[in-house]
C-alpha atoms as a PDB file:
ATOM      1  CA  MET A   1      22.104  10.910 -17.483  1.00  0.00           C
ATOM      2  CA  THR A   2      19.486  13.605 -17.671  1.00  0.00           C
ATOM      3  CA  ALA A   3      15.903  13.164 -16.576  1.00  0.00           C
ATOM      4  CA  GLU A   4      14.646  12.979 -20.178  1.00  0.00           C
ATOM      5  CA  GLN A   5      16.862   9.995 -21.075  1.00  0.00           C
ATOM      6  CA  THR A   6      15.125   7.783 -18.520  1.00  0.00           C
ATOM      7  CA  VAL A   7      11.505   8.078 -17.460  1.00  0.00           C
ATOM      8  CA  ARG A   8       9.471   5.921 -15.115  1.00  0.00           C
ATOM      9  CA  LEU A   9       6.798   3.868 -16.845  1.00  0.00           C
ATOM     10  CA  ASP A  10       3.924   5.323 -14.818  1.00  0.00           C
ATOM     11  CA  LYS A  11       5.075   8.889 -15.566  1.00  0.00           C
ATOM     12  CA  TRP A  12       5.374   8.157 -19.275  1.00  0.00           C
ATOM     13  CA  LEU A  13       1.891   6.571 -19.430  1.00  0.00           C
ATOM     14  CA  TRP A  14       0.479   9.647 -17.703  1.00  0.00           C
ATOM     15  CA  ALA A  15       2.403  12.047 -19.972  1.00  0.00           C
ATOM     16  CA  ALA A  16       1.252  10.122 -23.073  1.00  0.00           C
ATOM     17  CA  ARG A  17      -2.343  10.479 -21.824  1.00  0.00           C
ATOM     18  CA  PHE A  18      -3.191   6.803 -21.573  1.00  0.00           C
ATOM     19  CA  PHE A  19      -4.346   7.444 -17.982  1.00  0.00           C
ATOM     20  CA  LYS A  20      -5.749  10.567 -16.320  1.00  0.00           C
ATOM     21  CA  THR A  21      -3.543  10.384 -13.239  1.00  0.00           C
ATOM     22  CA  ARG A  22      -0.205   8.885 -12.341  1.00  0.00           C
ATOM     23  CA  SER A  23      -1.815   6.823  -9.606  1.00  0.00           C
ATOM     24  CA  LEU A  24      -4.217   5.250 -12.145  1.00  0.00           C
ATOM     25  CA  ALA A  25      -1.258   4.487 -14.393  1.00  0.00           C
ATOM     26  CA  SER A  26       0.615   2.967 -11.472  1.00  0.00           C
ATOM     27  CA  LYS A  27      -2.374   0.818 -10.478  1.00  0.00           C
ATOM     28  CA  ALA A  28      -2.724  -0.413 -14.066  1.00  0.00           C
ATOM     29  CA  VAL A  29       0.944  -1.432 -14.179  1.00  0.00           C
ATOM     30  CA  ILE A  30       0.707  -3.197 -10.803  1.00  0.00           C
ATOM     31  CA  GLY A  31      -2.503  -4.920 -11.939  1.00  0.00           C
ATOM     32  CA  GLY A  32      -0.756  -6.396 -14.974  1.00  0.00           C
ATOM     33  CA  HIS A  33      -2.538  -4.257 -17.576  1.00  0.00           C
ATOM     34  CA  VAL A  34       0.743  -2.895 -18.969  1.00  0.00           C
ATOM     35  CA  HIS A  35       3.569  -5.017 -20.383  1.00  0.00           C
ATOM     36  CA  VAL A  36       6.941  -3.763 -21.624  1.00  0.00           C
ATOM     37  CA  ASN A  37       8.507  -5.860 -24.379  1.00  0.00           C
ATOM     38  CA  GLY A  38       6.181  -8.724 -23.437  1.00  0.00           C
ATOM     39  CA  ASN A  39       7.126  -8.720 -19.741  1.00  0.00           C
ATOM     40  CA  ARG A  40       5.086  -7.717 -16.719  1.00  0.00           C
ATOM     41  CA  VAL A  41       6.902  -4.891 -14.927  1.00  0.00           C
ATOM     42  CA  LYS A  42       6.639  -2.507 -11.980  1.00  0.00           C
ATOM     43  CA  PRO A  43       5.671   1.198 -12.204  1.00  0.00           C
ATOM     44  CA  ALA A  44       9.261   2.336 -11.525  1.00  0.00           C
ATOM     45  CA  LYS A  45      10.595   0.489 -14.601  1.00  0.00           C
ATOM     46  CA  THR A  46      12.469   2.912 -16.833  1.00  0.00           C
ATOM     47  CA  VAL A  47      11.132   3.263 -20.355  1.00  0.00           C
ATOM     48  CA  GLN A  48      13.509   3.689 -23.287  1.00  0.00           C
ATOM     49  CA  VAL A  49      12.973   4.796 -26.864  1.00  0.00           C
ATOM     50  CA  GLY A  50      12.064   1.767 -28.978  1.00  0.00           C
ATOM     51  CA  ASP A  51      10.366  -0.200 -26.188  1.00  0.00           C
ATOM     52  CA  GLY A  52       7.171  -2.003 -27.145  1.00  0.00           C
ATOM     53  CA  LEU A  53       4.252  -1.526 -24.748  1.00  0.00           C
ATOM     54  CA  ARG A  54       0.972  -3.418 -24.546  1.00  0.00           C
ATOM     55  CA  ILE A  55      -1.557  -1.307 -22.637  1.00  0.00           C
ATOM     56  CA  ARG A  56      -5.006  -2.594 -21.696  1.00  0.00           C
ATOM     57  CA  ARG A  57      -7.475   0.105 -20.660  1.00  0.00           C
ATOM     58  CA  GLY A  58     -10.963  -1.247 -20.125  1.00  0.00           C
ATOM     59  CA  ALA A  59     -12.045  -3.034 -23.301  1.00  0.00           C
ATOM     60  CA  GLU A  60      -9.339  -1.349 -25.395  1.00  0.00           C
ATOM     61  CA  GLU A  61      -5.879  -2.775 -25.903  1.00  0.00           C
ATOM     62  CA  PHE A  62      -3.056  -0.736 -27.422  1.00  0.00           C
ATOM     63  CA  ASP A  63       0.252  -1.980 -28.848  1.00  0.00           C
ATOM     64  CA  VAL A  64       2.583   1.004 -29.064  1.00  0.00           C
ATOM     65  CA  VAL A  65       6.257   1.728 -29.658  1.00  0.00           C
ATOM     66  CA  VAL A  66       7.891   4.485 -27.593  1.00  0.00           C
ATOM     67  CA  LEU A  67       9.249   7.227 -29.877  1.00  0.00           C
ATOM     68  CA  GLU A  68      10.057   9.946 -27.352  1.00  0.00           C
ATOM     69  CA  LEU A  69      10.449  10.280 -23.600  1.00  0.00           C
ATOM     70  CA  ARG A  70       8.709  12.910 -21.546  1.00  0.00           C
ATOM     71  CA  SER A  71       8.013  13.026 -17.823  1.00  0.00           C
ATOM     72  CA  ARG A  72       5.694  16.036 -17.865  1.00  0.00           C
ATOM     73  CA  ARG A  73       2.179  16.043 -19.235  1.00  0.00           C
ATOM     74  CA  GLY A  74       1.568  18.368 -22.160  1.00  0.00           C
ATOM     75  CA  PRO A  75      -1.063  18.997 -24.818  1.00  0.00           C
ATOM     76  CA  ALA A  76      -2.730  16.026 -26.505  1.00  0.00           C
ATOM     77  CA  VAL A  77      -0.922  16.747 -29.790  1.00  0.00           C
ATOM     78  CA  VAL A  78       2.444  16.443 -28.048  1.00  0.00           C
ATOM     79  CA  ALA A  79       1.281  13.320 -26.185  1.00  0.00           C
ATOM     80  CA  ARG A  80       0.394  11.573 -29.471  1.00  0.00           C
ATOM     81  CA  SER A  81       3.920  12.244 -30.747  1.00  0.00           C
ATOM     82  CA  LEU A  82       5.434  10.241 -27.862  1.00  0.00           C
ATOM     83  CA  TYR A  83       4.384   6.900 -29.354  1.00  0.00           C
ATOM     84  CA  ARG A  84       3.350   5.107 -32.535  1.00  0.00           C
ATOM     85  CA  GLU A  85       0.544   2.578 -32.447  1.00  0.00           C
ATOM     86  CA  THR A  86       1.047  -0.528 -34.578  1.00  0.00           C
ATOM     87  CA  GLU A  87      -1.215  -1.182 -37.570  1.00  0.00           C
ATOM     88  CA  GLU A  88      -2.433  -4.490 -36.104  1.00  0.00           C
ATOM     89  CA  SER A  89      -3.426  -2.724 -32.907  1.00  0.00           C
ATOM     90  CA  ILE A  90      -5.387  -0.045 -34.775  1.00  0.00           C
ATOM     91  CA  GLN A  91      -7.226  -2.649 -36.878  1.00  0.00           C
ATOM     92  CA  ARG A  92      -7.982  -4.794 -33.807  1.00  0.00           C
ATOM     93  CA  ARG A  93      -9.408  -1.814 -31.874  1.00  0.00           C
ATOM     94  CA  GLU A  94     -11.565  -0.752 -34.849  1.00  0.00           C
ATOM     95  CA  LEU A  95     -12.916  -4.286 -35.200  1.00  0.00           C
ATOM     96  CA  GLN A  96     -13.711  -4.458 -31.471  1.00  0.00           C
ATOM     97  CA  ALA A  97     -15.444  -1.071 -31.597  1.00  0.00           C
ATOM     98  CA  ARG A  98     -17.527  -2.173 -34.579  1.00  0.00           C
ATOM     99  CA  THR A  99     -18.451  -5.411 -32.783  1.00  0.00           C
ATOM    100  CA  ARG A 100     -19.486  -3.521 -29.628  1.00  0.00           C
ATOM    101  CA  ARG A 101     -21.591  -1.118 -31.703  1.00  0.00           C
ATOM    102  CA  LEU A 102     -23.396  -3.978 -33.426  1.00  0.00           C
ATOM    103  CA  ALA A 103     -23.953  -5.810 -30.130  1.00  0.00           C
ATOM    104  CA  GLU A 104     -25.898  -2.893 -28.638  1.00  0.00           C
ATOM    105  CA  PRO A 105     -29.656  -3.412 -28.434  1.00  0.00           C
ATOM    106  CA  SER A 106     -31.373  -1.915 -31.445  1.00  0.00           C
ATOM    107  CA  GLY A 107     -34.641  -1.058 -29.688  1.00  0.00           C
ATOM    108  CA  ALA A 108     -35.573   2.487 -28.836  1.00  0.00           C
ATOM    109  CA  PRO A 109     -35.222   3.626 -25.228  1.00  0.00           C
ATOM    110  CA  PRO A 110     -38.443   3.871 -23.208  1.00  0.00           C
ATOM    111  CA  SER A 111     -40.362   7.099 -23.757  1.00  0.00           C
ATOM    112  CA  ARG A 112     -41.042   7.612 -20.047  1.00  0.00           C
ATOM    113  CA  ARG A 113     -40.190   6.304 -16.606  1.00  0.00           C
ATOM    114  CA  PRO A 114     -42.298   3.414 -15.294  1.00  0.00           C
ATOM    115  CA  ASP A 115     -45.285   4.486 -13.229  1.00  0.00           C
ATOM    116  CA  LYS A 116     -46.587   2.725 -10.117  1.00  0.00           C
ATOM    117  CA  ARG A 117     -48.453   0.049 -12.049  1.00  0.00           C
ATOM    118  CA  ASP A 118     -45.449  -0.658 -14.296  1.00  0.00           C
ATOM    119  CA  ARG A 119     -43.130  -0.912 -11.279  1.00  0.00           C
ATOM    120  CA  ARG A 120     -45.461  -3.505  -9.720  1.00  0.00           C
ATOM    121  CA  LYS A 121     -45.390  -5.523 -12.943  1.00  0.00           C
ATOM    122  CA  ILE A 122     -41.590  -5.305 -13.059  1.00  0.00           C
ATOM    123  CA  ARG A 123     -41.272  -6.461  -9.436  1.00  0.00           C
ATOM    124  CA  LYS A 124     -43.703  -9.309 -10.060  1.00  0.00           C
ATOM    125  CA  PHE A 125     -41.753 -10.388 -13.135  1.00  0.00           C
ATOM    126  CA  ILE A 126     -38.376 -10.248 -11.354  1.00  0.00           C
ATOM    127  CA  LEU A 127     -39.560 -12.071  -8.235  1.00  0.00           C
ATOM    128  CA  LYS A 128     -41.653 -14.589 -10.202  1.00  0.00           C
ATOM    129  CA  ASP A 129     -44.130 -15.044  -7.352  1.00  0.00           C
END
């Protein structure tokens, strides 16, 4: 077997640009944020073409199918060709993004930093003395 027929899960996640470093990818797998075919696995698990991955990164959750194996990180265009995200996953992420956008406060940010008097009022309000 050549190196490109089997690739470690943490290397593939790094090469596909889901995580910035291999150590972050490894920590995510150990922490249970990555599942292969519905099962929790270790970072050294070999990934094969056709495997289904569920990757949780912060508030985002991706369901992808492995199309190609690569152990070295390349350009983003090449990284996107390593997997195909499912339609349900894309719709779910768009809905979550829309919900987060709508949940943001609609007020304008303050025009200036609080001065001494404002800071005293803030402290008094927080401490409720």
